Structure formats: structure tokens, C-alpha cells
Amino acid sequence: LKEVIGHISDTERIMSYRLLRIARGDKTPLPGF
């Protein structure tokens, strides 16, 4: 359960980072994880 909670946080960080980059007009392709 701790790993699931950590995974939810990590995934949200990654998706939010992607969201930030795209929202700010960054056209650099972003990798998966």
C-alpha cells in the first residue's frame, strides 16, 4: 500500500511536469517512464 501511494505521487509529479512544459509552450518531446 505504501508503494501504491508513492506511485500515485510520483506519477502525479511526472504528469504535472509534462503539463507545465506543454502549458508553457515547450515543444520539446517528452519521454515516457
PDB file of all heavy atoms in Angstrom:
ATOM      1  N   LEU A   1       0.834  -1.197   0.000  1.00  0.00           N
ATOM      2  CA  LEU A   1       0.000   0.000   0.000  1.00  0.00           C
ATOM      3  C   LEU A   1       0.875   1.256   0.000  1.00  0.00           C
ATOM      4  O   LEU A   1       0.577   2.231  -0.688  1.00  0.00           O
ATOM      5  CB  LEU A   1      -0.929  -0.027   1.213  1.00  0.00           C
ATOM      6  CG  LEU A   1      -2.084   0.938   1.206  1.00  0.00           C
ATOM      7  CD1 LEU A   1      -2.900   0.842  -0.065  1.00  0.00           C
ATOM      8  CD2 LEU A   1      -2.965   0.692   2.411  1.00  0.00           C
ATOM      9  N   LYS A   2       1.991   1.231   0.738  1.00  0.00           N
ATOM     10  CA  LYS A   2       2.918   2.369   0.732  1.00  0.00           C
ATOM     11  C   LYS A   2       3.469   2.601  -0.676  1.00  0.00           C
ATOM     12  O   LYS A   2       3.611   3.751  -1.112  1.00  0.00           O
ATOM     13  CB  LYS A   2       4.075   2.128   1.695  1.00  0.00           C
ATOM     14  CG  LYS A   2       3.709   2.230   3.154  1.00  0.00           C
ATOM     15  CD  LYS A   2       4.949   1.975   4.000  1.00  0.00           C
ATOM     16  CE  LYS A   2       4.671   2.101   5.470  1.00  0.00           C
ATOM     17  NZ  LYS A   2       5.904   1.912   6.268  1.00  0.00           N
ATOM     18  N   GLU A   3       3.772   1.526  -1.374  1.00  0.00           N
ATOM     19  CA  GLU A   3       4.285   1.665  -2.738  1.00  0.00           C
ATOM     20  C   GLU A   3       3.227   2.226  -3.680  1.00  0.00           C
ATOM     21  O   GLU A   3       3.545   3.030  -4.570  1.00  0.00           O
ATOM     22  CB  GLU A   3       4.814   0.321  -3.243  1.00  0.00           C
ATOM     23  CG  GLU A   3       6.101  -0.091  -2.554  1.00  0.00           C
ATOM     24  CD  GLU A   3       6.554  -1.495  -2.880  1.00  0.00           C
ATOM     25  OE1 GLU A   3       5.695  -2.394  -3.077  1.00  0.00           O
ATOM     26  OE2 GLU A   3       7.785  -1.707  -2.925  1.00  0.00           O
ATOM     27  N   VAL A   4       1.984   1.856  -3.479  1.00  0.00           N
ATOM     28  CA  VAL A   4       0.902   2.396  -4.306  1.00  0.00           C
ATOM     29  C   VAL A   4       0.784   3.899  -4.071  1.00  0.00           C
ATOM     30  O   VAL A   4       0.693   4.677  -5.031  1.00  0.00           O
ATOM     31  CB  VAL A   4      -0.442   1.677  -4.024  1.00  0.00           C
ATOM     32  CG1 VAL A   4      -1.586   2.360  -4.770  1.00  0.00           C
ATOM     33  CG2 VAL A   4      -0.362   0.209  -4.404  1.00  0.00           C
ATOM     34  N   ILE A   5       0.788   4.315  -2.818  1.00  0.00           N
ATOM     35  CA  ILE A   5       0.694   5.749  -2.509  1.00  0.00           C
ATOM     36  C   ILE A   5       1.886   6.500  -3.098  1.00  0.00           C
ATOM     37  O   ILE A   5       1.727   7.567  -3.700  1.00  0.00           O
ATOM     38  CB  ILE A   5       0.615   5.982  -0.982  1.00  0.00           C
ATOM     39  CG1 ILE A   5      -0.673   5.376  -0.419  1.00  0.00           C
ATOM     40  CG2 ILE A   5       0.709   7.469  -0.648  1.00  0.00           C
ATOM     41  CD1 ILE A   5      -1.936   5.937  -1.014  1.00  0.00           C
ATOM     42  N   GLY A   6       3.082   5.958  -2.934  1.00  0.00           N
ATOM     43  CA  GLY A   6       4.258   6.593  -3.515  1.00  0.00           C
ATOM     44  C   GLY A   6       4.165   6.678  -5.025  1.00  0.00           C
ATOM     45  O   GLY A   6       4.539   7.691  -5.637  1.00  0.00           O
ATOM     46  N   HIS A   7       3.669   5.616  -5.640  1.00  0.00           N
ATOM     47  CA  HIS A   7       3.498   5.583  -7.090  1.00  0.00           C
ATOM     48  C   HIS A   7       2.500   6.648  -7.546  1.00  0.00           C
ATOM     49  O   HIS A   7       2.735   7.324  -8.558  1.00  0.00           O
ATOM     50  CB  HIS A   7       3.031   4.189  -7.522  1.00  0.00           C
ATOM     51  CG  HIS A   7       2.476   4.148  -8.902  1.00  0.00           C
ATOM     52  ND1 HIS A   7       3.264   4.303 -10.030  1.00  0.00           N
ATOM     53  CD2 HIS A   7       1.202   3.975  -9.333  1.00  0.00           C
ATOM     54  CE1 HIS A   7       2.488   4.224 -11.099  1.00  0.00           C
ATOM     55  NE2 HIS A   7       1.241   4.031 -10.706  1.00  0.00           N
ATOM     56  N   ILE A   8       1.409   6.810  -6.829  1.00  0.00           N
ATOM     57  CA  ILE A   8       0.429   7.847  -7.179  1.00  0.00           C
ATOM     58  C   ILE A   8       1.099   9.219  -7.152  1.00  0.00           C
ATOM     59  O   ILE A   8       0.933  10.025  -8.074  1.00  0.00           O
ATOM     60  CB  ILE A   8      -0.794   7.791  -6.242  1.00  0.00           C
ATOM     61  CG1 ILE A   8      -1.622   6.530  -6.528  1.00  0.00           C
ATOM     62  CG2 ILE A   8      -1.659   9.045  -6.395  1.00  0.00           C
ATOM     63  CD1 ILE A   8      -2.714   6.246  -5.505  1.00  0.00           C
ATOM     64  N   SER A   9       1.892   9.485  -6.122  1.00  0.00           N
ATOM     65  CA  SER A   9       2.579  10.777  -6.027  1.00  0.00           C
ATOM     66  C   SER A   9       3.604  10.949  -7.144  1.00  0.00           C
ATOM     67  O   SER A   9       3.679  12.022  -7.763  1.00  0.00           O
ATOM     68  CB  SER A   9       3.262  10.919  -4.661  1.00  0.00           C
ATOM     69  OG  SER A   9       2.313  10.974  -3.628  1.00  0.00           O
ATOM     70  N   ASP A  10       4.412   9.930  -7.385  1.00  0.00           N
ATOM     71  CA  ASP A  10       5.413  10.024  -8.455  1.00  0.00           C
ATOM     72  C   ASP A  10       4.759  10.274  -9.806  1.00  0.00           C
ATOM     73  O   ASP A  10       5.213  11.115 -10.592  1.00  0.00           O
ATOM     74  CB  ASP A  10       6.238   8.734  -8.539  1.00  0.00           C
ATOM     75  CG  ASP A  10       7.392   8.679  -7.580  1.00  0.00           C
ATOM     76  OD1 ASP A  10       7.630   9.649  -6.829  1.00  0.00           O
ATOM     77  OD2 ASP A  10       8.090   7.637  -7.575  1.00  0.00           O
ATOM     78  N   THR A  11       3.710   9.539 -10.095  1.00  0.00           N
ATOM     79  CA  THR A  11       3.036   9.688 -11.385  1.00  0.00           C
ATOM     80  C   THR A  11       2.424  11.078 -11.512  1.00  0.00           C
ATOM     81  O   THR A  11       2.517  11.700 -12.579  1.00  0.00           O
ATOM     82  CB  THR A  11       1.965   8.597 -11.567  1.00  0.00           C
ATOM     83  OG1 THR A  11       2.613   7.319 -11.502  1.00  0.00           O
ATOM     84  CG2 THR A  11       1.240   8.738 -12.891  1.00  0.00           C
ATOM     85  N   GLU A  12       1.848  11.574 -10.430  1.00  0.00           N
ATOM     86  CA  GLU A  12       1.280  12.923 -10.488  1.00  0.00           C
ATOM     87  C   GLU A  12       2.372  13.956 -10.731  1.00  0.00           C
ATOM     88  O   GLU A  12       2.178  14.892 -11.505  1.00  0.00           O
ATOM     89  CB  GLU A  12       0.509  13.252  -9.212  1.00  0.00           C
ATOM     90  CG  GLU A  12      -0.144  14.612  -9.276  1.00  0.00           C
ATOM     91  CD  GLU A  12      -1.277  14.811  -8.304  1.00  0.00           C
ATOM     92  OE1 GLU A  12      -1.872  13.823  -7.830  1.00  0.00           O
ATOM     93  OE2 GLU A  12      -1.589  15.993  -8.031  1.00  0.00           O
ATOM     94  N   ARG A  13       3.506  13.797 -10.092  1.00  0.00           N
ATOM     95  CA  ARG A  13       4.633  14.722 -10.337  1.00  0.00           C
ATOM     96  C   ARG A  13       5.027  14.718 -11.811  1.00  0.00           C
ATOM     97  O   ARG A  13       5.267  15.767 -12.406  1.00  0.00           O
ATOM     98  CB  ARG A  13       5.847  14.299  -9.520  1.00  0.00           C
ATOM     99  CG  ARG A  13       5.876  14.789  -8.132  1.00  0.00           C
ATOM    100  CD  ARG A  13       7.263  14.494  -7.536  1.00  0.00           C
ATOM    101  NE  ARG A  13       7.341  15.037  -6.216  1.00  0.00           N
ATOM    102  CZ  ARG A  13       7.323  14.314  -5.101  1.00  0.00           C
ATOM    103  NH1 ARG A  13       7.244  13.009  -5.154  1.00  0.00           N
ATOM    104  NH2 ARG A  13       7.409  14.900  -3.929  1.00  0.00           N
ATOM    105  N   ILE A  14       5.145  13.540 -12.377  1.00  0.00           N
ATOM    106  CA  ILE A  14       5.559  13.425 -13.773  1.00  0.00           C
ATOM    107  C   ILE A  14       4.507  14.033 -14.698  1.00  0.00           C
ATOM    108  O   ILE A  14       4.834  14.800 -15.615  1.00  0.00           O
ATOM    109  CB  ILE A  14       5.860  11.958 -14.125  1.00  0.00           C
ATOM    110  CG1 ILE A  14       7.129  11.510 -13.398  1.00  0.00           C
ATOM    111  CG2 ILE A  14       5.984  11.757 -15.632  1.00  0.00           C
ATOM    112  CD1 ILE A  14       7.354  10.014 -13.375  1.00  0.00           C
ATOM    113  N   MET A  15       3.253  13.717 -14.471  1.00  0.00           N
ATOM    114  CA  MET A  15       2.187  14.262 -15.312  1.00  0.00           C
ATOM    115  C   MET A  15       2.088  15.780 -15.155  1.00  0.00           C
ATOM    116  O   MET A  15       1.862  16.501 -16.136  1.00  0.00           O
ATOM    117  CB  MET A  15       0.841  13.605 -14.983  1.00  0.00           C
ATOM    118  CG  MET A  15       0.774  12.139 -15.320  1.00  0.00           C
ATOM    119  SD  MET A  15       1.010  11.820 -17.078  1.00  0.00           S
ATOM    120  CE  MET A  15       1.197  10.044 -17.046  1.00  0.00           C
ATOM    121  N   SER A  16       2.283  16.283 -13.944  1.00  0.00           N
ATOM    122  CA  SER A  16       2.247  17.732 -13.717  1.00  0.00           C
ATOM    123  C   SER A  16       3.420  18.430 -14.395  1.00  0.00           C
ATOM    124  O   SER A  16       3.273  19.535 -14.923  1.00  0.00           O
ATOM    125  CB  SER A  16       2.269  18.050 -12.218  1.00  0.00           C
ATOM    126  OG  SER A  16       1.064  17.665 -11.619  1.00  0.00           O
ATOM    127  N   TYR A  17       4.579  17.798 -14.373  1.00  0.00           N
ATOM    128  CA  TYR A  17       5.738  18.343 -15.069  1.00  0.00           C
ATOM    129  C   TYR A  17       5.469  18.417 -16.573  1.00  0.00           C
ATOM    130  O   TYR A  17       5.749  19.429 -17.224  1.00  0.00           O
ATOM    131  CB  TYR A  17       6.970  17.476 -14.785  1.00  0.00           C
ATOM    132  CG  TYR A  17       8.197  17.865 -15.561  1.00  0.00           C
ATOM    133  CD1 TYR A  17       8.887  19.041 -15.265  1.00  0.00           C
ATOM    134  CD2 TYR A  17       8.660  17.063 -16.597  1.00  0.00           C
ATOM    135  CE1 TYR A  17      10.018  19.400 -15.992  1.00  0.00           C
ATOM    136  CE2 TYR A  17       9.793  17.412 -17.319  1.00  0.00           C
ATOM    137  CZ  TYR A  17      10.469  18.578 -17.017  1.00  0.00           C
ATOM    138  OH  TYR A  17      11.580  18.931 -17.728  1.00  0.00           O
ATOM    139  N   ARG A  18       4.910  17.363 -17.108  1.00  0.00           N
ATOM    140  CA  ARG A  18       4.546  17.365 -18.520  1.00  0.00           C
ATOM    141  C   ARG A  18       3.531  18.471 -18.805  1.00  0.00           C
ATOM    142  O   ARG A  18       3.640  19.200 -19.792  1.00  0.00           O
ATOM    143  CB  ARG A  18       3.962  16.009 -18.917  1.00  0.00           C
ATOM    144  CG  ARG A  18       4.963  14.875 -18.889  1.00  0.00           C
ATOM    145  CD  ARG A  18       4.287  13.534 -19.043  1.00  0.00           C
ATOM    146  NE  ARG A  18       5.253  12.455 -19.187  1.00  0.00           N
ATOM    147  CZ  ARG A  18       4.931  11.184 -19.265  1.00  0.00           C
ATOM    148  NH1 ARG A  18       3.650  10.805 -19.215  1.00  0.00           N
ATOM    149  NH2 ARG A  18       5.872  10.262 -19.392  1.00  0.00           N
ATOM    150  N   LEU A  19       2.538  18.569 -17.934  1.00  0.00           N
ATOM    151  CA  LEU A  19       1.501  19.587 -18.063  1.00  0.00           C
ATOM    152  C   LEU A  19       2.129  20.980 -18.064  1.00  0.00           C
ATOM    153  O   LEU A  19       1.796  21.823 -18.907  1.00  0.00           O
ATOM    154  CB  LEU A  19       0.517  19.413 -16.902  1.00  0.00           C
ATOM    155  CG  LEU A  19      -0.761  20.210 -16.889  1.00  0.00           C
ATOM    156  CD1 LEU A  19      -1.816  19.446 -16.100  1.00  0.00           C
ATOM    157  CD2 LEU A  19      -0.583  21.578 -16.300  1.00  0.00           C
ATOM    158  N   LEU A  20       3.043  21.239 -17.148  1.00  0.00           N
ATOM    159  CA  LEU A  20       3.728  22.533 -17.060  1.00  0.00           C
ATOM    160  C   LEU A  20       4.475  22.835 -18.355  1.00  0.00           C
ATOM    161  O   LEU A  20       4.344  23.926 -18.921  1.00  0.00           O
ATOM    162  CB  LEU A  20       4.700  22.531 -15.882  1.00  0.00           C
ATOM    163  CG  LEU A  20       5.672  23.711 -15.811  1.00  0.00           C
ATOM    164  CD1 LEU A  20       4.918  24.994 -15.489  1.00  0.00           C
ATOM    165  CD2 LEU A  20       6.750  23.439 -14.776  1.00  0.00           C
ATOM    166  N   ARG A  21       5.259  21.891 -18.813  1.00  0.00           N
ATOM    167  CA  ARG A  21       6.075  22.121 -20.005  1.00  0.00           C
ATOM    168  C   ARG A  21       5.195  22.444 -21.209  1.00  0.00           C
ATOM    169  O   ARG A  21       5.465  23.392 -21.950  1.00  0.00           O
ATOM    170  CB  ARG A  21       6.939  20.892 -20.305  1.00  0.00           C
ATOM    171  CG  ARG A  21       7.934  20.520 -19.242  1.00  0.00           C
ATOM    172  CD  ARG A  21       9.354  20.906 -19.495  1.00  0.00           C
ATOM    173  NE  ARG A  21       9.870  20.732 -20.817  1.00  0.00           N
ATOM    174  CZ  ARG A  21      10.773  19.805 -21.170  1.00  0.00           C
ATOM    175  NH1 ARG A  21      11.228  18.934 -20.283  1.00  0.00           N
ATOM    176  NH2 ARG A  21      11.219  19.757 -22.402  1.00  0.00           N
ATOM    177  N   ILE A  22       4.150  21.663 -21.397  1.00  0.00           N
ATOM    178  CA  ILE A  22       3.280  21.874 -22.557  1.00  0.00           C
ATOM    179  C   ILE A  22       2.473  23.168 -22.385  1.00  0.00           C
ATOM    180  O   ILE A  22       2.328  23.938 -23.335  1.00  0.00           O
ATOM    181  CB  ILE A  22       2.381  20.648 -22.792  1.00  0.00           C
ATOM    182  CG1 ILE A  22       3.255  19.435 -23.157  1.00  0.00           C
ATOM    183  CG2 ILE A  22       1.346  20.923 -23.877  1.00  0.00           C
ATOM    184  CD1 ILE A  22       2.526  18.104 -23.136  1.00  0.00           C
ATOM    185  N   ALA A  23       1.975  23.428 -21.196  1.00  0.00           N
ATOM    186  CA  ALA A  23       1.193  24.643 -20.945  1.00  0.00           C
ATOM    187  C   ALA A  23       2.009  25.905 -21.198  1.00  0.00           C
ATOM    188  O   ALA A  23       1.471  26.932 -21.620  1.00  0.00           O
ATOM    189  CB  ALA A  23       0.666  24.651 -19.507  1.00  0.00           C
ATOM    190  N   ARG A  24       3.303  25.823 -20.966  1.00  0.00           N
ATOM    191  CA  ARG A  24       4.183  26.986 -21.170  1.00  0.00           C
ATOM    192  C   ARG A  24       4.707  27.069 -22.605  1.00  0.00           C
ATOM    193  O   ARG A  24       5.519  27.917 -22.921  1.00  0.00           O
ATOM    194  CB  ARG A  24       5.358  26.940 -20.195  1.00  0.00           C
ATOM    195  CG  ARG A  24       4.973  26.967 -18.725  1.00  0.00           C
ATOM    196  CD  ARG A  24       4.334  28.293 -18.310  1.00  0.00           C
ATOM    197  NE  ARG A  24       4.294  28.406 -16.857  1.00  0.00           N
ATOM    198  CZ  ARG A  24       3.202  28.278 -16.114  1.00  0.00           C
ATOM    199  NH1 ARG A  24       2.034  28.052 -16.689  1.00  0.00           N
ATOM    200  NH2 ARG A  24       3.262  28.399 -14.803  1.00  0.00           N
ATOM    201  N   GLY A  25       4.229  26.189 -23.465  1.00  0.00           N
ATOM    202  CA  GLY A  25       4.576  26.263 -24.875  1.00  0.00           C
ATOM    203  C   GLY A  25       5.850  25.549 -25.260  1.00  0.00           C
ATOM    204  O   GLY A  25       6.326  25.700 -26.382  1.00  0.00           O
ATOM    205  N   ASP A  26       6.396  24.743 -24.369  1.00  0.00           N
ATOM    206  CA  ASP A  26       7.607  23.986 -24.677  1.00  0.00           C
ATOM    207  C   ASP A  26       7.252  22.891 -25.685  1.00  0.00           C
ATOM    208  O   ASP A  26       6.381  22.067 -25.436  1.00  0.00           O
ATOM    209  CB  ASP A  26       8.158  23.369 -23.387  1.00  0.00           C
ATOM    210  CG  ASP A  26       9.525  22.735 -23.548  1.00  0.00           C
ATOM    211  OD1 ASP A  26       9.900  22.375 -24.681  1.00  0.00           O
ATOM    212  OD2 ASP A  26      10.212  22.580 -22.527  1.00  0.00           O
ATOM    213  N   LYS A  27       7.926  22.891 -26.812  1.00  0.00           N
ATOM    214  CA  LYS A  27       7.639  21.926 -27.884  1.00  0.00           C
ATOM    215  C   LYS A  27       8.571  20.715 -27.856  1.00  0.00           C
ATOM    216  O   LYS A  27       8.483  19.839 -28.711  1.00  0.00           O
ATOM    217  CB  LYS A  27       7.764  22.615 -29.248  1.00  0.00           C
ATOM    218  CG  LYS A  27       6.793  23.759 -29.444  1.00  0.00           C
ATOM    219  CD  LYS A  27       5.385  23.257 -29.506  1.00  0.00           C
ATOM    220  CE  LYS A  27       4.442  24.415 -29.815  1.00  0.00           C
ATOM    221  NZ  LYS A  27       3.066  24.062 -29.618  1.00  0.00           N
ATOM    222  N   THR A  28       9.447  20.631 -26.855  1.00  0.00           N
ATOM    223  CA  THR A  28      10.378  19.512 -26.757  1.00  0.00           C
ATOM    224  C   THR A  28       9.614  18.217 -26.468  1.00  0.00           C
ATOM    225  O   THR A  28       8.850  18.160 -25.506  1.00  0.00           O
ATOM    226  CB  THR A  28      11.387  19.746 -25.617  1.00  0.00           C
ATOM    227  OG1 THR A  28      11.991  21.026 -25.779  1.00  0.00           O
ATOM    228  CG2 THR A  28      12.443  18.659 -25.583  1.00  0.00           C
ATOM    229  N   PRO A  29       9.777  17.193 -27.285  1.00  0.00           N
ATOM    230  CA  PRO A  29       9.116  15.906 -26.983  1.00  0.00           C
ATOM    231  C   PRO A  29       9.594  15.372 -25.622  1.00  0.00           C
ATOM    232  O   PRO A  29      10.771  15.447 -25.290  1.00  0.00           O
ATOM    233  CB  PRO A  29       9.572  14.993 -28.117  1.00  0.00           C
ATOM    234  CG  PRO A  29       9.931  15.919 -29.225  1.00  0.00           C
ATOM    235  CD  PRO A  29      10.497  17.148 -28.559  1.00  0.00           C
ATOM    236  N   LEU A  30       8.657  14.858 -24.856  1.00  0.00           N
ATOM    237  CA  LEU A  30       8.939  14.367 -23.509  1.00  0.00           C
ATOM    238  C   LEU A  30       8.917  12.841 -23.492  1.00  0.00           C
ATOM    239  O   LEU A  30       8.061  12.221 -24.125  1.00  0.00           O
ATOM    240  CB  LEU A  30       7.918  14.924 -22.513  1.00  0.00           C
ATOM    241  CG  LEU A  30       7.890  16.452 -22.452  1.00  0.00           C
ATOM    242  CD1 LEU A  30       6.690  16.937 -21.659  1.00  0.00           C
ATOM    243  CD2 LEU A  30       9.175  16.975 -21.853  1.00  0.00           C
ATOM    244  N   PRO A  31       9.823  12.223 -22.731  1.00  0.00           N
ATOM    245  CA  PRO A  31       9.914  10.761 -22.714  1.00  0.00           C
ATOM    246  C   PRO A  31       8.857  10.128 -21.801  1.00  0.00           C
ATOM    247  O   PRO A  31       8.252  10.792 -20.966  1.00  0.00           O
ATOM    248  CB  PRO A  31      11.310  10.512 -22.144  1.00  0.00           C
ATOM    249  CG  PRO A  31      11.541  11.675 -21.236  1.00  0.00           C
ATOM    250  CD  PRO A  31      10.879  12.850 -21.919  1.00  0.00           C
ATOM    251  N   GLY A  32       8.689   8.833 -21.968  1.00  0.00           N
ATOM    252  CA  GLY A  32       7.872   8.055 -21.048  1.00  0.00           C
ATOM    253  C   GLY A  32       8.680   7.727 -19.809  1.00  0.00           C
ATOM    254  O   GLY A  32       9.807   8.220 -19.629  1.00  0.00           O
ATOM    255  N   PHE A  33       8.128   6.896 -18.928  1.00  0.00           N
ATOM    256  CA  PHE A  33       8.861   6.433 -17.746  1.00  0.00           C
ATOM    257  C   PHE A  33       8.383   5.039 -17.389  1.00  0.00           C
ATOM    258  O   PHE A  33       7.268   4.654 -17.725  1.00  0.00           O
ATOM    259  CB  PHE A  33       8.716   7.406 -16.565  1.00  0.00           C
ATOM    260  CG  PHE A  33       7.377   7.365 -15.862  1.00  0.00           C
ATOM    261  CD1 PHE A  33       7.246   6.731 -14.639  1.00  0.00           C
ATOM    262  CD2 PHE A  33       6.263   7.968 -16.408  1.00  0.00           C
ATOM    263  CE1 PHE A  33       6.029   6.689 -13.980  1.00  0.00           C
ATOM    264  CE2 PHE A  33       5.035   7.939 -15.760  1.00  0.00           C
ATOM    265  CZ  PHE A  33       4.920   7.294 -14.539  1.00  0.00           C
TER     266      PHE A  33
END
